[in-house]
Amino acid sequence: MDGCLHAAAWLCLQAASPDAKLACTFAAAEAFESGWLRADATAAAPAPIGMPGRPERPRLVHPRELPRRGFGTPAGRAAFVHAIAHIEFNAIDLAWDAVYRFRGLPDAFYADWVGVARDEARHFALLRERLRQLGHDYGDFDAHNGLWEMAEKTAHDGLARMALVPRVLEARGLDVTPGMIVKLRSLGDEATVAILEVILREEVAHVAAGSRWFRWYCERAGVD
């Protein structure tokens, strides 16, 4: 990292293994918060969007190919935790891509999305540890690429990104997570419930950040 926040975000995006992506994310967030990393208006323009660094597994398939599993079996519960972990892993990259791709914005924009990246990394780490407690690891189940496809579709437009990723995709998570918590609690899985409660509480702030910057983009563009 050379002191340029956008370059650091690129390094985090390109990190392929979960351990490398977490380490890069936590290091970059700490460097930004300490003032060592800063947004740089003179930095090279962002590269065209492509797939970020990914581990060899999980295998990415069409959502229709993913089996439907209930919570009632150990395998079903592990598959559920894996699905949430995959969302959080993608969310790390979505936050870093916003930092990398959208330039010349207020410092508060970058502070918000660096913070989101750090939160998502912590969520992923909690879920991965829970997966290991259940006898699995990230990559043991198939997953889909829908979240990153949304990043690709909105790479040209920060307003569209703020409208569709935090305010739609993450907001959907806020809608369904309370029901998941109730179901898991009825099965006695307080360990997973505790993680989901942390995620739910912190995702509220992420959606709020998306709404805040969506309104900022709208005001700048003169859009009601």
Protein backbone atom coordinates (compact mmCIF):
# COMPACT_ATOMS: atom_id res chain seq x y z
CA MET A 1 0.00 0.00 0.00
CA ASP A 2 1.48 3.36 -1.08
CA GLY A 3 -0.76 5.77 0.83
CA CYS A 4 -3.41 5.83 -1.91
CA LEU A 5 -6.75 4.53 -0.68
CA HIS A 6 -7.87 3.54 -4.18
CA ALA A 7 -4.75 1.42 -4.69
CA ALA A 8 -5.32 -0.26 -1.34
CA ALA A 9 -8.94 -0.96 -2.29
CA TRP A 10 -7.70 -2.57 -5.51
CA LEU A 11 -5.36 -4.83 -3.55
CA CYS A 12 -8.23 -5.93 -1.33
CA LEU A 13 -10.39 -6.61 -4.38
CA GLN A 14 -7.70 -8.76 -5.95
CA ALA A 15 -6.96 -10.82 -2.83
CA ALA A 16 -8.26 -14.28 -3.68
CA SER A 17 -8.22 -16.43 -0.57
CA PRO A 18 -10.54 -15.64 2.34
CA ASP A 19 -7.57 -15.25 4.68
CA ALA A 20 -5.82 -12.84 2.30
CA LYS A 21 -8.96 -10.78 1.70
CA LEU A 22 -9.64 -10.47 5.42
CA ALA A 23 -6.04 -9.55 6.22
CA CYS A 24 -5.91 -6.95 3.45
CA THR A 25 -9.27 -5.49 4.47
CA PHE A 26 -8.42 -5.14 8.13
CA ALA A 27 -4.98 -3.68 7.35
CA ALA A 28 -6.38 -1.17 4.85
CA ALA A 29 -9.19 -0.11 7.18
CA GLU A 30 -6.71 0.44 10.01
CA ALA A 31 -4.37 2.39 7.73
CA PHE A 32 -7.24 4.58 6.53
CA GLU A 33 -8.50 5.26 10.03
CA SER A 34 -4.97 6.21 11.14
CA GLY A 35 -4.71 8.70 8.27
CA TRP A 36 -2.02 6.81 6.38
CA LEU A 37 -4.34 6.02 3.46
CA ARG A 38 -6.22 8.83 1.74
CA ALA A 39 -8.33 9.24 -1.38
CA ASP A 40 -6.21 10.69 -4.18
CA ALA A 41 -7.80 12.77 -6.92
CA THR A 42 -4.67 12.30 -9.05
CA ALA A 43 -4.72 8.49 -8.89
CA ALA A 44 -4.93 6.54 -12.14
CA ALA A 45 -8.47 6.02 -13.42
CA PRO A 46 -10.14 2.81 -12.26
CA ALA A 47 -9.73 -0.27 -14.41
CA PRO A 48 -12.83 -1.71 -16.09
CA ILE A 49 -14.74 -3.87 -13.67
CA GLY A 50 -14.08 -7.61 -13.73
CA MET A 51 -14.26 -10.52 -11.36
CA PRO A 52 -12.46 -9.78 -8.10
CA GLY A 53 -10.11 -12.24 -6.47
CA ARG A 54 -11.93 -15.44 -5.60
CA PRO A 55 -10.89 -18.76 -4.07
CA GLU A 56 -11.22 -21.87 -6.24
CA ARG A 57 -14.26 -22.82 -4.22
CA PRO A 58 -17.19 -22.34 -3.87
CA ARG A 59 -18.27 -23.34 -7.34
CA LEU A 60 -20.48 -20.59 -8.78
CA VAL A 61 -23.71 -21.79 -10.39
CA HIS A 62 -27.00 -20.30 -11.52
CA PRO A 63 -29.31 -19.65 -8.56
CA ARG A 64 -31.78 -22.19 -9.95
CA GLU A 65 -29.13 -24.90 -9.57
CA LEU A 66 -28.78 -24.37 -5.83
CA PRO A 67 -30.64 -27.04 -3.84
CA ARG A 68 -33.31 -25.89 -1.41
CA ARG A 69 -32.44 -27.04 2.10
CA GLY A 70 -34.28 -26.62 5.35
CA PHE A 71 -32.76 -25.68 8.68
CA GLY A 72 -33.82 -28.95 10.28
CA THR A 73 -30.74 -31.01 9.42
CA PRO A 74 -27.09 -30.30 10.27
CA ALA A 75 -26.23 -30.18 6.55
CA GLY A 76 -29.12 -27.81 5.88
CA ARG A 77 -28.06 -25.49 8.65
CA ALA A 78 -24.45 -25.51 7.46
CA ALA A 79 -25.61 -24.74 3.91
CA PHE A 80 -27.62 -21.80 5.26
CA VAL A 81 -24.64 -20.41 7.17
CA HIS A 82 -22.51 -20.90 4.05
CA ALA A 83 -25.01 -18.93 1.95
CA ILE A 84 -24.89 -16.01 4.38
CA ALA A 85 -21.09 -16.20 4.52
CA HIS A 86 -21.00 -16.02 0.72
CA ILE A 87 -23.14 -12.89 0.79
CA GLU A 88 -20.78 -11.28 3.29
CA PHE A 89 -17.70 -12.29 1.28
CA ASN A 90 -19.20 -10.59 -1.78
CA ALA A 91 -20.18 -7.59 0.32
CA ILE A 92 -16.52 -7.03 1.23
CA ASP A 93 -15.75 -6.65 -2.47
CA LEU A 94 -18.81 -4.51 -3.14
CA ALA A 95 -17.66 -2.03 -0.49
CA TRP A 96 -14.08 -1.96 -1.74
CA ASP A 97 -15.24 -1.55 -5.33
CA ALA A 98 -17.19 1.56 -4.33
CA VAL A 99 -14.01 2.95 -2.73
CA TYR A 100 -11.91 2.02 -5.76
CA ARG A 101 -14.28 2.93 -8.59
CA PHE A 102 -16.02 6.13 -7.58
CA ARG A 103 -13.59 9.05 -7.45
CA GLY A 104 -13.59 12.68 -6.40
CA LEU A 105 -16.20 12.21 -3.68
CA PRO A 106 -16.30 13.64 -0.14
CA ASP A 107 -14.01 12.04 2.42
CA ALA A 108 -17.10 10.90 4.32
CA PHE A 109 -18.08 8.66 1.38
CA TYR A 110 -14.81 6.78 1.62
CA ALA A 111 -15.00 6.62 5.41
CA ASP A 112 -18.44 5.04 5.19
CA TRP A 113 -17.49 2.37 2.66
CA VAL A 114 -14.15 1.50 4.26
CA GLY A 115 -16.12 0.98 7.46
CA VAL A 116 -18.64 -1.19 5.64
CA ALA A 117 -15.83 -3.31 4.15
CA ARG A 118 -14.37 -3.83 7.62
CA ASP A 119 -17.78 -4.79 9.04
CA GLU A 120 -18.48 -7.24 6.23
CA ALA A 121 -15.07 -8.85 6.73
CA ARG A 122 -15.79 -9.29 10.41
CA HIS A 123 -19.20 -10.79 9.62
CA PHE A 124 -17.61 -13.22 7.19
CA ALA A 125 -15.02 -14.25 9.78
CA LEU A 126 -17.75 -14.94 12.36
CA LEU A 127 -19.76 -17.01 9.89
CA ARG A 128 -16.73 -18.93 8.69
CA GLU A 129 -15.87 -19.86 12.26
CA ARG A 130 -19.46 -21.01 12.78
CA LEU A 131 -19.22 -23.11 9.61
CA ARG A 132 -16.12 -24.77 10.99
CA GLN A 133 -17.95 -25.51 14.22
CA LEU A 134 -20.58 -27.24 12.06
CA GLY A 135 -17.91 -29.36 10.38
CA HIS A 136 -17.61 -27.38 7.14
CA ASP A 137 -15.72 -24.44 5.65
CA TYR A 138 -16.33 -21.72 3.12
CA GLY A 139 -16.34 -23.33 -0.31
CA ASP A 140 -17.97 -26.61 0.74
CA PHE A 141 -21.30 -25.68 -0.89
CA ASP A 142 -22.11 -24.20 -4.29
CA ALA A 143 -23.02 -20.51 -4.48
CA HIS A 144 -24.15 -17.95 -7.07
CA ASN A 145 -22.65 -14.74 -8.41
CA GLY A 146 -25.72 -12.50 -8.31
CA LEU A 147 -24.32 -9.87 -5.98
CA TRP A 148 -21.19 -9.27 -8.02
CA GLU A 149 -23.23 -9.21 -11.22
CA MET A 150 -25.09 -6.26 -9.71
CA ALA A 151 -21.75 -4.55 -9.12
CA GLU A 152 -20.87 -5.05 -12.78
CA LYS A 153 -24.21 -3.61 -13.91
CA THR A 154 -23.74 -0.47 -11.79
CA ALA A 155 -20.01 0.10 -12.32
CA HIS A 156 -20.72 3.08 -14.58
CA ASP A 157 -22.89 5.01 -12.14
CA GLY A 158 -22.48 5.66 -8.42
CA LEU A 159 -26.11 6.71 -8.12
CA ALA A 160 -27.26 3.37 -9.54
CA ARG A 161 -24.85 1.51 -7.26
CA MET A 162 -26.18 3.27 -4.16
CA ALA A 163 -29.77 2.74 -5.29
CA LEU A 164 -29.52 -0.96 -6.02
CA VAL A 165 -26.88 -2.50 -3.74
CA PRO A 166 -27.30 -1.11 -0.21
CA ARG A 167 -30.86 0.19 -0.60
CA VAL A 168 -32.29 -2.90 -2.33
CA LEU A 169 -30.07 -5.95 -1.89
CA GLU A 170 -28.91 -5.23 1.66
CA ALA A 171 -32.35 -3.96 2.63
CA ARG A 172 -33.82 -7.32 1.59
CA GLY A 173 -31.50 -8.93 4.10
CA LEU A 174 -32.92 -6.69 6.82
CA ASP A 175 -36.40 -7.89 5.86
CA VAL A 176 -35.70 -11.63 6.00
CA THR A 177 -33.13 -11.90 8.80
CA PRO A 178 -35.58 -11.53 11.72
CA GLY A 179 -37.54 -14.53 10.46
CA MET A 180 -34.34 -16.55 10.16
CA ILE A 181 -33.46 -15.66 13.73
CA VAL A 182 -36.85 -16.84 14.98
CA LYS A 183 -36.52 -20.14 13.10
CA LEU A 184 -32.97 -20.81 14.30
CA ARG A 185 -33.88 -19.92 17.87
CA SER A 186 -36.74 -22.42 17.75
CA LEU A 187 -34.15 -25.05 16.80
CA GLY A 188 -31.90 -24.07 19.70
CA ASP A 189 -29.10 -22.68 17.51
CA GLU A 190 -28.19 -19.72 19.68
CA ALA A 191 -24.64 -19.60 18.29
CA THR A 192 -25.86 -18.76 14.78
CA VAL A 193 -28.57 -16.48 16.18
CA ALA A 194 -25.94 -14.40 18.01
CA ILE A 195 -24.01 -13.86 14.77
CA LEU A 196 -27.13 -12.94 12.80
CA GLU A 197 -28.12 -10.43 15.46
CA VAL A 198 -24.74 -8.71 15.11
CA ILE A 199 -25.09 -8.67 11.33
CA LEU A 200 -28.67 -7.38 11.46
CA ARG A 201 -27.74 -4.54 13.79
CA GLU A 202 -24.78 -3.43 11.68
CA GLU A 203 -26.48 -3.85 8.30
CA VAL A 204 -29.01 -1.21 9.37
CA ALA A 205 -26.14 1.29 9.34
CA HIS A 206 -24.98 0.03 5.94
CA VAL A 207 -28.41 0.59 4.41
CA ALA A 208 -28.49 4.04 6.01
CA ALA A 209 -25.12 4.85 4.42
CA GLY A 210 -26.43 3.74 1.04
CA SER A 211 -29.49 5.94 1.43
CA ARG A 212 -27.38 8.89 2.52
CA TRP A 213 -25.13 8.68 -0.53
CA PHE A 214 -28.04 7.93 -2.85
CA ARG A 215 -29.60 11.22 -1.74
CA TRP A 216 -26.24 12.97 -2.17
CA TYR A 217 -25.93 11.71 -5.75
CA CYS A 218 -29.53 12.71 -6.47
CA GLU A 219 -28.97 16.23 -5.16
CA ARG A 220 -25.77 16.58 -7.18
CA ALA A 221 -27.58 15.44 -10.33
CA GLY A 222 -30.69 17.52 -9.63
CA VAL A 223 -32.83 14.39 -9.48
CA ASP A 224 -35.85 14.35 -7.18
